[in-house]
Amino acid sequence: MAGDGRRMKVIALDFETANEQRASPCSIGLAWIEDGQVARIEHHYIRPPGNRFARFNIAFHGIGPQQVADADEWPDVLERLRPELDGALVLAHNASFDVSVIRRTCEHYDVRPPSFDYLCTVQVARGVWPELSSHKLNVVCGHLGVDFAHHDAAADAYACGRVALAAASLNGVTHVRDLPGRLGMTLGRLSHDGYTPPKGAVGLRRARVHG
C-alpha cells in the first residue's frame, strides 16, 4: 500500500458517463479530504469518444454534447490530474463503477492509468449503517443530514467524502485511511499492472465507541 496514511492525499471522486459504455466519461468531480474535512472540490467536463451521448444518460445527469463540445478528452484531463491521483487514497461510492471507468477509458485511449489505493464507501456504509434499507449515496447522506445535488459529479464526490468522514468519526479513527482496518476491509488497488478490488466485511456491525 502506498505511503503513510497520515500524510497521504485522500481524494473522493465521481464520474458521470455519456452513454452505455464505461469508456465514455463526460464529467469528473473530485473532493480533497484534509484535516478531517472536505477542503477542496474540483469539477472537469470531459469530451467522450465521438462526443456520443445516450438519451438515458442525459436524462440522468443533465449533461449533453453541447456542454462538453469544447472540453478536453480523457488523456488530457488525466494528465492534469495524474500528479494528484498517483499515490493517493481514492474514495468512491460504488468504486467498482468509477474505477472501471478509469480502466476502460485508459484502455480505449491506450494511456497508462494512474496508480492508487481505493476504498468503496458503499462497502463502508454497509458496515457502519447496516440498519439502512439502501446504501445509495442519497440515502446514506439523507441519514447523515448531508445536503447535495445528486448526480452532479462534484457534489457526489463531496458527499462521498462526507460519508467516509462520518464513518471514521463513528468508529473512533482520526484518519480515513484507518477505516478499512477498523471495519475488517481491505483496500483495492489500481496501477498499470492491473487492479485488485477491495473486500468488504459482510454483516459487520458498527463499532461501539465510548466517549
Protein backbone atom coordinates (compact mmCIF):
# COMPACT_ATOMS: atom_id res chain seq x y z
CA MET A 1 0.00 0.00 0.00
CA ALA A 2 1.24 3.44 -0.86
CA GLY A 3 2.59 5.73 1.77
CA ASP A 4 1.74 6.77 5.31
CA GLY A 5 -1.99 7.26 5.88
CA ARG A 6 -1.37 10.41 7.88
CA ARG A 7 0.46 12.18 5.03
CA MET A 8 -1.25 10.55 2.05
CA LYS A 9 -3.66 12.55 -0.05
CA VAL A 10 -7.23 11.36 0.28
CA ILE A 11 -9.45 12.21 -2.69
CA ALA A 12 -13.08 11.29 -3.24
CA LEU A 13 -14.10 11.16 -6.89
CA ASP A 14 -17.16 10.56 -9.02
CA PHE A 15 -17.76 10.11 -12.76
CA GLU A 16 -20.77 10.69 -14.96
CA THR A 17 -20.79 8.84 -18.28
CA ALA A 18 -22.23 9.83 -21.64
CA ASN A 19 -23.61 6.51 -22.78
CA GLU A 20 -23.79 2.79 -22.02
CA GLN A 21 -20.02 2.37 -22.37
CA ARG A 22 -17.80 2.72 -19.31
CA ALA A 23 -15.24 4.38 -21.59
CA SER A 24 -17.46 7.45 -22.01
CA PRO A 25 -16.76 9.81 -19.09
CA CYS A 26 -18.28 13.25 -19.59
CA SER A 27 -17.73 14.67 -16.10
CA ILE A 28 -15.46 14.06 -13.13
CA GLY A 29 -15.73 15.56 -9.66
CA LEU A 30 -13.02 15.41 -7.02
CA ALA A 31 -13.05 16.33 -3.33
CA TRP A 32 -9.85 16.50 -1.28
CA ILE A 33 -10.09 15.49 2.37
CA GLU A 34 -7.67 17.23 4.70
CA ASP A 35 -7.65 17.64 8.49
CA GLY A 36 -10.95 15.85 8.94
CA GLN A 37 -12.96 17.86 6.41
CA VAL A 38 -13.59 18.31 2.70
CA ALA A 39 -11.05 21.01 1.94
CA ARG A 40 -11.32 21.48 -1.83
CA ILE A 41 -13.62 20.46 -4.68
CA GLU A 42 -12.96 20.42 -8.42
CA HIS A 43 -15.08 19.62 -11.45
CA HIS A 44 -13.95 18.89 -15.02
CA TYR A 45 -16.05 18.27 -18.09
CA ILE A 46 -14.68 15.57 -20.41
CA ARG A 47 -15.50 15.11 -24.09
CA PRO A 48 -16.27 11.40 -24.52
CA PRO A 49 -15.14 9.46 -27.61
CA GLY A 50 -17.08 10.76 -30.59
CA ASN A 51 -18.98 13.07 -28.20
CA ARG A 52 -21.71 10.41 -28.27
CA PHE A 53 -24.46 10.68 -25.65
CA ALA A 54 -27.40 8.40 -24.93
CA ARG A 55 -30.78 9.90 -24.03
CA PHE A 56 -30.93 7.89 -20.81
CA ASN A 57 -27.63 9.32 -19.58
CA ILE A 58 -28.58 12.88 -20.49
CA ALA A 59 -31.84 12.50 -18.55
CA PHE A 60 -29.89 11.04 -15.62
CA HIS A 61 -27.31 13.80 -15.12
CA GLY A 62 -28.37 16.63 -17.44
CA ILE A 63 -25.12 16.79 -19.41
CA GLY A 64 -25.25 16.69 -23.21
CA PRO A 65 -22.87 17.08 -26.14
CA GLN A 66 -23.16 20.88 -26.15
CA GLN A 67 -21.73 21.23 -22.63
CA VAL A 68 -18.62 19.22 -23.43
CA ALA A 69 -18.03 20.14 -27.09
CA ASP A 70 -15.01 22.28 -26.16
CA ALA A 71 -13.80 20.12 -23.26
CA ASP A 72 -10.64 18.05 -23.32
CA GLU A 73 -10.77 14.31 -23.87
CA TRP A 74 -9.71 11.91 -21.14
CA PRO A 75 -5.94 11.72 -21.85
CA ASP A 76 -5.51 15.47 -21.33
CA VAL A 77 -7.75 15.55 -18.27
CA LEU A 78 -5.91 12.58 -16.78
CA GLU A 79 -2.50 14.16 -17.29
CA ARG A 80 -3.65 17.22 -15.33
CA LEU A 81 -4.99 15.04 -12.53
CA ARG A 82 -2.30 12.34 -12.52
CA PRO A 83 0.01 14.15 -10.03
CA GLU A 84 -2.90 14.29 -7.59
CA LEU A 85 -4.15 10.74 -8.10
CA ASP A 86 -0.85 8.85 -8.19
CA GLY A 87 -0.12 7.57 -4.71
CA ALA A 88 -3.40 8.86 -3.23
CA LEU A 89 -6.12 7.03 -1.38
CA VAL A 90 -9.15 7.38 -3.65
CA LEU A 91 -12.70 7.11 -2.31
CA ALA A 92 -15.72 6.39 -4.49
CA HIS A 93 -19.30 5.40 -3.81
CA ASN A 94 -19.68 2.14 -5.72
CA ALA A 95 -15.99 2.21 -6.55
CA SER A 96 -16.24 -0.71 -8.97
CA PHE A 97 -18.04 1.64 -11.38
CA ASP A 98 -15.69 4.60 -11.10
CA VAL A 99 -12.53 2.50 -11.25
CA SER A 100 -13.87 0.63 -14.28
CA VAL A 101 -14.48 4.00 -15.99
CA ILE A 102 -10.81 4.83 -15.49
CA ARG A 103 -9.63 1.39 -16.60
CA ARG A 104 -11.81 1.14 -19.69
CA THR A 105 -11.18 4.73 -20.80
CA CYS A 106 -7.42 4.34 -20.39
CA GLU A 107 -7.64 1.14 -22.44
CA HIS A 108 -9.65 2.95 -25.13
CA TYR A 109 -7.02 5.68 -25.47
CA ASP A 110 -4.07 3.36 -24.77
CA VAL A 111 -2.81 5.52 -21.91
CA ARG A 112 -1.33 4.41 -18.59
CA PRO A 113 -3.84 4.51 -15.74
CA PRO A 114 -2.99 6.32 -12.50
CA SER A 115 -1.73 4.24 -9.58
CA PHE A 116 -3.63 4.45 -6.31
CA ASP A 117 -5.28 2.53 -3.49
CA TYR A 118 -9.04 2.88 -3.30
CA LEU A 119 -11.88 2.39 -0.87
CA CYS A 120 -15.56 1.87 -1.70
CA THR A 121 -17.83 3.95 0.54
CA VAL A 122 -20.81 1.74 -0.33
CA GLN A 123 -18.97 -1.09 1.42
CA VAL A 124 -18.10 1.27 4.26
CA ALA A 125 -21.73 2.35 4.61
CA ARG A 126 -22.96 -1.24 4.65
CA GLY A 127 -20.63 -1.99 7.53
CA VAL A 128 -21.26 1.18 9.53
CA TRP A 129 -25.01 1.67 8.95
CA PRO A 130 -26.40 -1.85 8.37
CA GLU A 131 -29.84 -0.71 9.52
CA LEU A 132 -30.40 1.41 6.40
CA SER A 133 -32.73 -0.05 3.78
CA SER A 134 -30.39 1.10 0.99
CA HIS A 135 -26.81 2.30 0.86
CA LYS A 136 -27.17 4.53 -2.18
CA LEU A 137 -25.39 7.84 -1.78
CA ASN A 138 -28.56 9.92 -1.43
CA VAL A 139 -29.98 7.53 1.19
CA VAL A 140 -26.83 7.47 3.31
CA CYS A 141 -26.44 11.24 3.07
CA GLY A 142 -30.11 11.71 3.99
CA HIS A 143 -29.45 9.65 7.11
CA LEU A 144 -26.43 11.83 7.89
CA GLY A 145 -28.19 15.12 7.13
CA VAL A 146 -25.80 15.95 4.27
CA ASP A 147 -27.43 18.04 1.52
CA PHE A 148 -26.04 17.78 -2.01
CA ALA A 149 -27.13 17.85 -5.66
CA HIS A 150 -27.23 14.16 -6.58
CA HIS A 151 -25.76 13.12 -9.96
CA ASP A 152 -23.60 16.23 -10.15
CA ALA A 153 -20.09 14.76 -10.17
CA ALA A 154 -18.52 17.39 -7.91
CA ALA A 155 -21.42 17.24 -5.45
CA ASP A 156 -21.34 13.44 -5.42
CA ALA A 157 -17.60 13.47 -4.73
CA TYR A 158 -18.20 15.89 -1.84
CA ALA A 159 -20.96 13.66 -0.48
CA CYS A 160 -18.76 10.57 -0.78
CA GLY A 161 -16.09 12.33 1.25
CA ARG A 162 -18.62 13.28 3.91
CA VAL A 163 -19.76 9.64 4.20
CA ALA A 164 -16.16 8.50 4.77
CA LEU A 165 -15.56 11.22 7.35
CA ALA A 166 -18.76 10.35 9.23
CA ALA A 167 -17.82 6.66 9.26
CA ALA A 168 -14.36 7.48 10.58
CA SER A 169 -15.80 9.65 13.34
CA LEU A 170 -18.32 6.99 14.41
CA ASN A 171 -15.60 4.38 14.58
CA GLY A 172 -13.15 6.46 16.56
CA VAL A 173 -10.44 6.76 13.90
CA THR A 174 -8.78 10.05 13.11
CA HIS A 175 -7.79 9.23 9.55
CA VAL A 176 -9.98 7.82 6.80
CA ARG A 177 -7.02 5.62 5.84
CA ASP A 178 -7.53 3.72 9.13
CA LEU A 179 -11.17 2.80 8.35
CA PRO A 180 -10.51 -0.46 6.48
CA GLY A 181 -8.55 -1.92 9.39
CA ARG A 182 -11.26 -0.95 11.86
CA LEU A 183 -14.03 -2.34 9.68
CA GLY A 184 -12.30 -5.54 8.59
CA MET A 185 -11.98 -4.40 4.98
CA THR A 186 -9.12 -4.34 2.50
CA LEU A 187 -8.30 -1.55 0.08
CA GLY A 188 -8.47 -2.01 -3.66
CA ARG A 189 -5.53 -1.14 -5.88
CA LEU A 190 -5.30 0.26 -9.42
CA SER A 191 -1.99 0.52 -11.29
CA HIS A 192 -0.51 -0.03 -14.74
CA ASP A 193 -0.03 -3.68 -13.72
CA GLY A 194 -3.76 -4.22 -13.23
CA TYR A 195 -6.18 -3.89 -10.38
CA THR A 196 -7.29 -5.65 -7.21
CA PRO A 197 -10.84 -4.98 -5.96
CA PRO A 198 -11.43 -4.09 -2.30
CA LYS A 199 -13.07 -6.56 0.05
CA GLY A 200 -15.81 -5.57 2.46
CA ALA A 201 -16.85 -7.29 5.67
CA VAL A 202 -20.27 -8.96 5.43
CA GLY A 203 -22.73 -8.39 8.24
CA LEU A 204 -20.34 -6.13 10.12
CA ARG A 205 -21.88 -4.04 12.87
CA ARG A 206 -20.81 -0.52 13.70
CA ALA A 207 -18.01 -0.34 16.25
CA ARG A 208 -19.08 0.78 19.69
CA VAL A 209 -17.28 3.96 20.59
CA HIS A 210 -17.48 5.29 24.11
CA GLY A 211 -16.59 8.92 24.73
